Amino acid sequence: MIDAMLHEDHVATLDIINKLEVRIGNGKWDRRLEPSVPSDRLLLEALIAMMDSEVRHHLPFEEKELFPKLDDFGFEDVTGMLFDEHEAIRSLIASLRPLSDAALAGGFREDSWKAFHGFLADLAGLVIFHIQKEEMGIISRLRMLLGPDECQEMASTYTALLSKSR
């Protein structure tokens, strides 16, 4: 069902954000990631994979498939707000992604680390708040609103989207 799939995406995203926050310093962002250290490299690679998945799959699916269906139930204000947050998330990812790539290639310099952790802190705060809204306001109600058949059909659509990009 699509509610479970989107929830799993959210949990995976929150897991990466949590691991980064713990590794870097729980809100202080003072312990620089060192891509030459295997565990830090894996964490940075996981962040990059998460950002790519958000931009290529998760956000477009919600906007093209889910939000129009929710609008039919009178959720235009909610989906409009969520769409605006998606745009802010995309903007932060567009700033963070090249810094992440450069760090994988050659580590962080002082200025690139400062920019990276600033964008990451902003992204983490926005994404956590955004996921809370989606989970409580939409995901928890999808089966009731759309019905099990529609939720299953959307899950098939999302699975096909994910399969195409692999």
N, C-alpha and C. Protein backbone atom coordinates (compact mmCIF):
# COMPACT_ATOMS: atom_id res chain seq x y z
N MET A 1 0.83 -1.18 0.00
CA MET A 1 0.00 0.00 0.00
C MET A 1 0.88 1.25 0.00
N ILE A 2 0.40 2.28 -0.66
CA ILE A 2 1.20 3.49 -0.83
C ILE A 2 1.49 4.18 0.50
N ASP A 3 0.57 4.11 1.44
CA ASP A 3 0.84 4.75 2.73
C ASP A 3 2.05 4.12 3.40
N ALA A 4 2.17 2.81 3.33
CA ALA A 4 3.32 2.12 3.92
C ALA A 4 4.61 2.45 3.17
N MET A 5 4.54 2.54 1.86
CA MET A 5 5.74 2.85 1.08
C MET A 5 6.25 4.26 1.38
N LEU A 6 5.35 5.22 1.41
CA LEU A 6 5.77 6.60 1.71
C LEU A 6 6.27 6.71 3.14
N HIS A 7 5.63 5.99 4.05
CA HIS A 7 6.09 5.97 5.44
C HIS A 7 7.51 5.40 5.54
N GLU A 8 7.76 4.32 4.80
CA GLU A 8 9.11 3.74 4.80
C GLU A 8 10.14 4.73 4.26
N ASP A 9 9.79 5.46 3.21
CA ASP A 9 10.68 6.51 2.70
C ASP A 9 10.98 7.53 3.79
N HIS A 10 9.94 7.94 4.49
CA HIS A 10 10.10 8.95 5.55
C HIS A 10 11.00 8.43 6.67
N VAL A 11 10.80 7.20 7.08
CA VAL A 11 11.61 6.61 8.15
C VAL A 11 13.07 6.53 7.71
N ALA A 12 13.31 6.12 6.47
CA ALA A 12 14.69 6.03 5.97
C ALA A 12 15.35 7.40 5.93
N THR A 13 14.62 8.42 5.52
CA THR A 13 15.15 9.78 5.48
C THR A 13 15.48 10.26 6.89
N LEU A 14 14.56 10.04 7.82
CA LEU A 14 14.80 10.45 9.21
C LEU A 14 15.98 9.71 9.81
N ASP A 15 16.16 8.46 9.44
CA ASP A 15 17.28 7.67 9.94
C ASP A 15 18.62 8.28 9.49
N ILE A 16 18.70 8.66 8.24
CA ILE A 16 19.94 9.28 7.73
C ILE A 16 20.20 10.61 8.43
N ILE A 17 19.16 11.42 8.56
CA ILE A 17 19.31 12.71 9.24
C ILE A 17 19.76 12.51 10.68
N ASN A 18 19.15 11.55 11.36
CA ASN A 18 19.53 11.27 12.74
C ASN A 18 20.99 10.83 12.84
N LYS A 19 21.41 9.93 11.96
CA LYS A 19 22.80 9.47 11.99
C LYS A 19 23.77 10.62 11.73
N LEU A 20 23.42 11.49 10.82
CA LEU A 20 24.27 12.65 10.55
C LEU A 20 24.33 13.58 11.76
N GLU A 21 23.19 13.83 12.37
CA GLU A 21 23.17 14.71 13.54
C GLU A 21 23.99 14.13 14.69
N VAL A 22 23.87 12.84 14.91
CA VAL A 22 24.65 12.20 15.98
C VAL A 22 26.13 12.26 15.66
N ARG A 23 26.50 11.94 14.42
CA ARG A 23 27.91 11.93 14.03
C ARG A 23 28.55 13.33 14.07
N ILE A 24 27.81 14.32 13.60
CA ILE A 24 28.38 15.65 13.46
C ILE A 24 28.34 16.44 14.77
N GLY A 25 27.43 16.13 15.65
CA GLY A 25 27.46 16.81 16.93
C GLY A 25 26.14 17.29 17.48
N ASN A 26 25.07 16.60 17.17
CA ASN A 26 23.78 16.89 17.79
C ASN A 26 23.43 18.37 17.81
N GLY A 27 23.34 18.96 16.64
CA GLY A 27 22.92 20.34 16.53
C GLY A 27 24.05 21.36 16.57
N LYS A 28 25.22 20.96 17.03
CA LYS A 28 26.35 21.89 17.05
C LYS A 28 27.08 21.88 15.71
N TRP A 29 26.99 20.79 15.00
CA TRP A 29 27.59 20.65 13.67
C TRP A 29 29.09 20.96 13.72
N ASP A 30 29.75 20.52 14.80
CA ASP A 30 31.15 20.89 14.97
C ASP A 30 32.15 19.79 14.64
N ARG A 31 31.70 18.57 14.43
CA ARG A 31 32.63 17.47 14.13
C ARG A 31 32.55 17.15 12.64
N ARG A 32 33.48 17.67 11.91
CA ARG A 32 33.50 17.57 10.45
C ARG A 32 33.53 16.12 9.99
N LEU A 33 32.72 15.82 8.98
CA LEU A 33 32.80 14.52 8.31
C LEU A 33 34.12 14.43 7.57
N GLU A 34 34.71 13.27 7.61
CA GLU A 34 35.96 13.02 6.89
C GLU A 34 35.72 11.88 5.90
N PRO A 35 35.47 12.21 4.64
CA PRO A 35 35.17 11.17 3.65
C PRO A 35 36.26 10.12 3.47
N SER A 36 37.47 10.39 3.96
CA SER A 36 38.52 9.37 3.90
C SER A 36 38.29 8.28 4.95
N VAL A 37 37.44 8.54 5.92
CA VAL A 37 37.07 7.54 6.94
C VAL A 37 35.88 6.75 6.38
N PRO A 38 35.99 5.43 6.28
CA PRO A 38 34.93 4.64 5.64
C PRO A 38 33.52 4.89 6.18
N SER A 39 33.36 4.99 7.49
CA SER A 39 32.01 5.19 8.04
C SER A 39 31.46 6.57 7.66
N ASP A 40 32.30 7.57 7.61
CA ASP A 40 31.87 8.90 7.20
C ASP A 40 31.53 8.92 5.71
N ARG A 41 32.33 8.23 4.92
CA ARG A 41 32.08 8.15 3.48
C ARG A 41 30.72 7.48 3.22
N LEU A 42 30.45 6.39 3.93
CA LEU A 42 29.16 5.70 3.78
C LEU A 42 28.00 6.61 4.16
N LEU A 43 28.18 7.39 5.21
CA LEU A 43 27.13 8.30 5.65
C LEU A 43 26.90 9.40 4.60
N LEU A 44 27.96 9.93 4.05
CA LEU A 44 27.83 10.94 3.00
C LEU A 44 27.19 10.34 1.75
N GLU A 45 27.57 9.13 1.39
CA GLU A 45 26.95 8.45 0.25
C GLU A 45 25.47 8.20 0.49
N ALA A 46 25.11 7.85 1.72
CA ALA A 46 23.69 7.64 2.06
C ALA A 46 22.91 8.95 1.94
N LEU A 47 23.51 10.04 2.36
CA LEU A 47 22.87 11.35 2.23
C LEU A 47 22.64 11.67 0.75
N ILE A 48 23.64 11.45 -0.07
CA ILE A 48 23.53 11.72 -1.50
C ILE A 48 22.42 10.86 -2.12
N ALA A 49 22.39 9.59 -1.78
CA ALA A 49 21.36 8.69 -2.31
C ALA A 49 19.97 9.15 -1.87
N MET A 50 19.84 9.58 -0.62
CA MET A 50 18.56 10.07 -0.13
C MET A 50 18.14 11.33 -0.88
N MET A 51 19.07 12.26 -1.08
CA MET A 51 18.73 13.49 -1.80
C MET A 51 18.31 13.18 -3.23
N ASP A 52 19.03 12.28 -3.88
CA ASP A 52 18.69 11.92 -5.25
C ASP A 52 17.31 11.27 -5.33
N SER A 53 17.01 10.40 -4.39
CA SER A 53 15.72 9.73 -4.37
C SER A 53 14.58 10.73 -4.13
N GLU A 54 14.81 11.66 -3.24
CA GLU A 54 13.79 12.69 -2.97
C GLU A 54 13.47 13.47 -4.24
N VAL A 55 14.51 13.92 -4.93
CA VAL A 55 14.33 14.78 -6.10
C VAL A 55 13.77 14.00 -7.29
N ARG A 56 14.21 12.76 -7.47
CA ARG A 56 13.79 11.99 -8.65
C ARG A 56 12.51 11.20 -8.45
N HIS A 57 12.22 10.79 -7.21
CA HIS A 57 11.09 9.89 -7.00
C HIS A 57 10.03 10.42 -6.05
N HIS A 58 10.43 10.58 -4.81
CA HIS A 58 9.47 10.82 -3.74
C HIS A 58 8.67 12.11 -3.96
N LEU A 59 9.36 13.23 -4.11
CA LEU A 59 8.66 14.51 -4.26
C LEU A 59 7.82 14.56 -5.54
N PRO A 60 8.38 14.16 -6.70
CA PRO A 60 7.55 14.19 -7.92
C PRO A 60 6.33 13.27 -7.83
N PHE A 61 6.50 12.11 -7.21
CA PHE A 61 5.36 11.20 -7.08
C PHE A 61 4.25 11.85 -6.26
N GLU A 62 4.62 12.43 -5.14
CA GLU A 62 3.60 13.06 -4.30
C GLU A 62 2.89 14.18 -5.08
N GLU A 63 3.67 14.99 -5.79
CA GLU A 63 3.09 16.13 -6.49
C GLU A 63 2.23 15.73 -7.68
N LYS A 64 2.65 14.72 -8.43
CA LYS A 64 1.93 14.34 -9.65
C LYS A 64 0.82 13.33 -9.41
N GLU A 65 1.01 12.44 -8.45
CA GLU A 65 0.06 11.36 -8.24
C GLU A 65 -0.82 11.54 -7.00
N LEU A 66 -0.18 11.90 -5.90
CA LEU A 66 -0.91 11.95 -4.63
C LEU A 66 -1.65 13.26 -4.42
N PHE A 67 -0.97 14.38 -4.59
CA PHE A 67 -1.60 15.67 -4.29
C PHE A 67 -2.87 15.93 -5.10
N PRO A 68 -2.90 15.62 -6.41
CA PRO A 68 -4.16 15.84 -7.14
C PRO A 68 -5.34 15.03 -6.57
N LYS A 69 -5.06 13.83 -6.11
CA LYS A 69 -6.13 13.02 -5.52
C LYS A 69 -6.60 13.62 -4.19
N LEU A 70 -5.65 14.13 -3.43
CA LEU A 70 -6.01 14.77 -2.16
C LEU A 70 -6.78 16.07 -2.39
N ASP A 71 -6.41 16.79 -3.46
CA ASP A 71 -7.13 18.02 -3.79
C ASP A 71 -8.60 17.73 -4.06
N ASP A 72 -8.90 16.56 -4.63
CA ASP A 72 -10.29 16.17 -4.88
C ASP A 72 -11.08 16.05 -3.58
N PHE A 73 -10.39 15.85 -2.47
CA PHE A 73 -11.04 15.75 -1.17
C PHE A 73 -10.97 17.07 -0.38
N GLY A 74 -10.56 18.13 -1.04
CA GLY A 74 -10.54 19.44 -0.40
C GLY A 74 -9.26 19.77 0.36
N PHE A 75 -8.17 19.12 0.03
CA PHE A 75 -6.90 19.34 0.72
C PHE A 75 -6.00 20.35 -0.01
N GLU A 76 -6.57 21.22 -0.85
CA GLU A 76 -5.75 22.13 -1.66
C GLU A 76 -4.82 22.99 -0.80
N ASP A 77 -5.31 23.48 0.33
CA ASP A 77 -4.46 24.31 1.18
C ASP A 77 -3.27 23.51 1.71
N VAL A 78 -3.54 22.29 2.11
CA VAL A 78 -2.49 21.43 2.65
C VAL A 78 -1.49 21.06 1.56
N THR A 79 -1.98 20.61 0.42
CA THR A 79 -1.06 20.21 -0.65
C THR A 79 -0.29 21.42 -1.19
N GLY A 80 -0.91 22.58 -1.20
CA GLY A 80 -0.20 23.78 -1.61
C GLY A 80 0.96 24.10 -0.68
N MET A 81 0.71 23.99 0.62
CA MET A 81 1.77 24.23 1.61
C MET A 81 2.88 23.18 1.47
N LEU A 82 2.49 21.92 1.29
CA LEU A 82 3.48 20.85 1.14
C LEU A 82 4.29 21.03 -0.14
N PHE A 83 3.63 21.46 -1.22
CA PHE A 83 4.35 21.72 -2.46
C PHE A 83 5.39 22.82 -2.26
N ASP A 84 5.02 23.88 -1.57
CA ASP A 84 5.97 24.96 -1.29
C ASP A 84 7.17 24.44 -0.49
N GLU A 85 6.90 23.56 0.44
CA GLU A 85 8.00 22.96 1.21
C GLU A 85 8.86 22.08 0.32
N HIS A 86 8.24 21.37 -0.61
CA HIS A 86 9.01 20.57 -1.57
C HIS A 86 9.98 21.46 -2.35
N GLU A 87 9.51 22.62 -2.77
CA GLU A 87 10.36 23.55 -3.50
C GLU A 87 11.54 24.00 -2.64
N ALA A 88 11.29 24.27 -1.37
CA ALA A 88 12.37 24.67 -0.45
C ALA A 88 13.35 23.51 -0.25
N ILE A 89 12.84 22.29 -0.15
CA ILE A 89 13.69 21.11 -0.01
C ILE A 89 14.57 20.95 -1.26
N ARG A 90 13.96 21.09 -2.44
CA ARG A 90 14.73 21.00 -3.69
C ARG A 90 15.85 22.05 -3.73
N SER A 91 15.53 23.24 -3.30
CA SER A 91 16.52 24.32 -3.31
C SER A 91 17.70 24.00 -2.39
N LEU A 92 17.40 23.50 -1.20
CA LEU A 92 18.47 23.14 -0.27
C LEU A 92 19.30 21.98 -0.81
N ILE A 93 18.63 21.01 -1.41
CA ILE A 93 19.35 19.87 -2.01
C ILE A 93 20.24 20.35 -3.15
N ALA A 94 19.74 21.29 -3.95
CA ALA A 94 20.55 21.81 -5.06
C ALA A 94 21.82 22.50 -4.56
N SER A 95 21.77 23.06 -3.37
CA SER A 95 22.96 23.68 -2.79
C SER A 95 23.86 22.65 -2.10
N LEU A 96 23.25 21.66 -1.49
CA LEU A 96 23.98 20.66 -0.70
C LEU A 96 24.64 19.58 -1.56
N ARG A 97 23.99 19.21 -2.65
CA ARG A 97 24.46 18.09 -3.48
C ARG A 97 25.87 18.33 -4.04
N PRO A 98 26.16 19.51 -4.65
CA PRO A 98 27.52 19.69 -5.18
C PRO A 98 28.59 19.72 -4.08
N LEU A 99 28.23 20.25 -2.92
CA LEU A 99 29.17 20.24 -1.79
C LEU A 99 29.46 18.81 -1.36
N SER A 100 28.45 17.96 -1.38
CA SER A 100 28.60 16.56 -1.02
C SER A 100 29.49 15.83 -2.02
N ASP A 101 29.25 16.08 -3.30
CA ASP A 101 30.06 15.46 -4.35
C ASP A 101 31.52 15.88 -4.23
N ALA A 102 31.74 17.17 -4.03
CA ALA A 102 33.11 17.68 -3.89
C ALA A 102 33.80 17.07 -2.67
N ALA A 103 33.06 16.90 -1.60
CA ALA A 103 33.65 16.30 -0.39
C ALA A 103 34.03 14.85 -0.64
N LEU A 104 33.21 14.11 -1.36
CA LEU A 104 33.56 12.72 -1.68
C LEU A 104 34.84 12.67 -2.51
N ALA A 105 35.00 13.64 -3.38
CA ALA A 105 36.17 13.65 -4.26
C ALA A 105 37.44 14.11 -3.56
N GLY A 106 37.31 15.03 -2.60
CA GLY A 106 38.53 15.57 -2.01
C GLY A 106 38.43 16.03 -0.57
N GLY A 107 37.38 15.66 0.11
CA GLY A 107 37.22 16.07 1.51
C GLY A 107 36.63 17.47 1.61
N PHE A 108 36.48 17.92 2.83
CA PHE A 108 35.95 19.25 3.08
C PHE A 108 37.08 20.22 3.38
N ARG A 109 36.96 21.41 2.84
CA ARG A 109 37.80 22.53 3.26
C ARG A 109 37.00 23.27 4.34
N GLU A 110 37.61 24.21 4.99
CA GLU A 110 36.91 24.95 6.05
C GLU A 110 35.66 25.63 5.52
N ASP A 111 35.77 26.30 4.38
CA ASP A 111 34.62 27.02 3.83
C ASP A 111 33.55 26.06 3.31
N SER A 112 33.96 24.97 2.69
CA SER A 112 32.96 24.03 2.17
C SER A 112 32.25 23.31 3.31
N TRP A 113 32.98 23.03 4.40
CA TRP A 113 32.34 22.40 5.57
C TRP A 113 31.31 23.34 6.18
N LYS A 114 31.67 24.60 6.31
CA LYS A 114 30.75 25.58 6.90
C LYS A 114 29.47 25.67 6.07
N ALA A 115 29.62 25.75 4.75
CA ALA A 115 28.45 25.81 3.87
C ALA A 115 27.66 24.51 3.94
N PHE A 116 28.37 23.37 3.89
CA PHE A 116 27.70 22.07 3.95
C PHE A 116 26.87 21.93 5.21
N HIS A 117 27.46 22.16 6.36
CA HIS A 117 26.69 21.92 7.57
C HIS A 117 25.59 22.94 7.76
N GLY A 118 25.75 24.14 7.20
CA GLY A 118 24.66 25.12 7.24
C GLY A 118 23.46 24.66 6.42
N PHE A 119 23.72 24.23 5.18
CA PHE A 119 22.64 23.73 4.33
C PHE A 119 22.04 22.45 4.91
N LEU A 120 22.88 21.58 5.45
CA LEU A 120 22.39 20.33 6.03
C LEU A 120 21.50 20.61 7.24
N ALA A 121 21.90 21.53 8.09
CA ALA A 121 21.08 21.87 9.27
C ALA A 121 19.72 22.42 8.82
N ASP A 122 19.73 23.28 7.81
CA ASP A 122 18.46 23.82 7.29
C ASP A 122 17.60 22.72 6.69
N LEU A 123 18.23 21.83 5.90
CA LEU A 123 17.50 20.74 5.28
C LEU A 123 16.92 19.81 6.35
N ALA A 124 17.72 19.46 7.33
CA ALA A 124 17.25 18.56 8.39
C ALA A 124 16.04 19.14 9.10
N GLY A 125 16.12 20.41 9.48
CA GLY A 125 14.99 21.03 10.18
C GLY A 125 13.73 21.04 9.33
N LEU A 126 13.88 21.42 8.07
CA LEU A 126 12.72 21.48 7.18
C LEU A 126 12.13 20.10 6.92
N VAL A 127 13.00 19.14 6.64
CA VAL A 127 12.52 17.79 6.31
C VAL A 127 11.83 17.14 7.51
N ILE A 128 12.38 17.30 8.68
CA ILE A 128 11.74 16.70 9.87
C ILE A 128 10.34 17.28 10.07
N PHE A 129 10.22 18.58 10.00
CA PHE A 129 8.92 19.23 10.18
C PHE A 129 7.96 18.83 9.06
N HIS A 130 8.47 18.77 7.83
CA HIS A 130 7.66 18.39 6.67
C HIS A 130 7.14 16.96 6.81
N ILE A 131 8.00 16.06 7.19
CA ILE A 131 7.58 14.66 7.35
C ILE A 131 6.53 14.54 8.45
N GLN A 132 6.70 15.25 9.54
CA GLN A 132 5.69 15.21 10.61
C GLN A 132 4.32 15.62 10.07
N LYS A 133 4.28 16.68 9.28
CA LYS A 133 3.01 17.15 8.72
C LYS A 133 2.42 16.10 7.78
N GLU A 134 3.25 15.55 6.91
CA GLU A 134 2.74 14.55 5.97
C GLU A 134 2.24 13.31 6.70
N GLU A 135 3.00 12.85 7.66
CA GLU A 135 2.62 11.62 8.39
C GLU A 135 1.31 11.82 9.15
N MET A 136 1.21 12.91 9.89
CA MET A 136 0.02 13.13 10.72
C MET A 136 -1.17 13.60 9.90
N GLY A 137 -0.93 14.41 8.88
CA GLY A 137 -2.04 15.00 8.15
C GLY A 137 -2.51 14.22 6.94
N ILE A 138 -1.63 13.40 6.37
CA ILE A 138 -1.99 12.74 5.11
C ILE A 138 -1.79 11.23 5.17
N ILE A 139 -0.57 10.81 5.42
CA ILE A 139 -0.23 9.38 5.31
C ILE A 139 -1.14 8.53 6.20
N SER A 140 -1.39 8.99 7.41
CA SER A 140 -2.23 8.23 8.33
C SER A 140 -3.69 8.13 7.87
N ARG A 141 -4.10 8.96 6.93
CA ARG A 141 -5.49 8.98 6.46
C ARG A 141 -5.69 8.41 5.05
N LEU A 142 -4.62 8.03 4.39
CA LEU A 142 -4.73 7.67 2.97
C LEU A 142 -5.71 6.53 2.71
N ARG A 143 -5.63 5.46 3.47
CA ARG A 143 -6.53 4.33 3.20
C ARG A 143 -7.99 4.72 3.41
N MET A 144 -8.23 5.57 4.40
CA MET A 144 -9.59 6.01 4.66
C MET A 144 -10.08 6.92 3.51
N LEU A 145 -9.21 7.82 3.06
CA LEU A 145 -9.61 8.75 2.00
C LEU A 145 -9.72 8.09 0.64
N LEU A 146 -8.71 7.34 0.27
CA LEU A 146 -8.64 6.80 -1.08
C LEU A 146 -9.21 5.40 -1.21
N GLY A 147 -9.22 4.67 -0.13
CA GLY A 147 -9.65 3.28 -0.17
C GLY A 147 -8.50 2.36 -0.49
N PRO A 148 -8.61 1.10 -0.12
CA PRO A 148 -7.51 0.16 -0.31
C PRO A 148 -7.15 -0.09 -1.78
N ASP A 149 -8.13 -0.12 -2.66
CA ASP A 149 -7.83 -0.38 -4.07
C ASP A 149 -7.00 0.74 -4.68
N GLU A 150 -7.39 1.98 -4.41
CA GLU A 150 -6.65 3.13 -4.94
C GLU A 150 -5.25 3.20 -4.33
N CYS A 151 -5.15 2.88 -3.04
CA CYS A 151 -3.83 2.86 -2.39
C CYS A 151 -2.93 1.80 -3.00
N GLN A 152 -3.49 0.66 -3.33
CA GLN A 152 -2.70 -0.40 -3.96
C GLN A 152 -2.28 0.00 -5.37
N GLU A 153 -3.18 0.63 -6.11
CA GLU A 153 -2.86 1.08 -7.46
C GLU A 153 -1.74 2.13 -7.42
N MET A 154 -1.80 3.05 -6.47
CA MET A 154 -0.75 4.05 -6.33
C MET A 154 0.57 3.41 -5.94
N ALA A 155 0.51 2.37 -5.13
CA ALA A 155 1.73 1.65 -4.75
C ALA A 155 2.37 1.02 -5.98
N SER A 156 1.56 0.48 -6.85
CA SER A 156 2.08 -0.10 -8.10
C SER A 156 2.72 0.97 -8.98
N THR A 157 2.09 2.13 -9.05
CA THR A 157 2.64 3.24 -9.82
C THR A 157 3.98 3.68 -9.25
N TYR A 158 4.06 3.78 -7.93
CA TYR A 158 5.29 4.21 -7.29
C TYR A 158 6.40 3.17 -7.47
N THR A 159 6.04 1.90 -7.36
CA THR A 159 7.01 0.82 -7.57
C THR A 159 7.55 0.88 -9.01
N ALA A 160 6.69 1.12 -9.97
CA ALA A 160 7.13 1.23 -11.36
C ALA A 160 8.08 2.42 -11.54
N LEU A 161 7.77 3.54 -10.90
CA LEU A 161 8.64 4.72 -10.97
C LEU A 161 10.01 4.41 -10.39
N LEU A 162 10.04 3.74 -9.25
CA LEU A 162 11.31 3.38 -8.63
C LEU A 162 12.10 2.40 -9.50
N SER A 163 11.41 1.47 -10.14
CA SER A 163 12.07 0.46 -10.96
C SER A 163 12.70 1.06 -12.22
N LYS A 164 12.05 2.08 -12.79
CA LYS A 164 12.56 2.71 -14.01
C LYS A 164 13.91 3.35 -13.82
N SER A 165 14.18 3.83 -12.63
CA SER A 165 15.42 4.58 -12.43
C SER A 165 16.58 3.72 -11.96
N ARG A 166 16.38 2.46 -11.85
CA ARG A 166 17.46 1.59 -11.40
C ARG A 166 18.25 1.04 -12.54
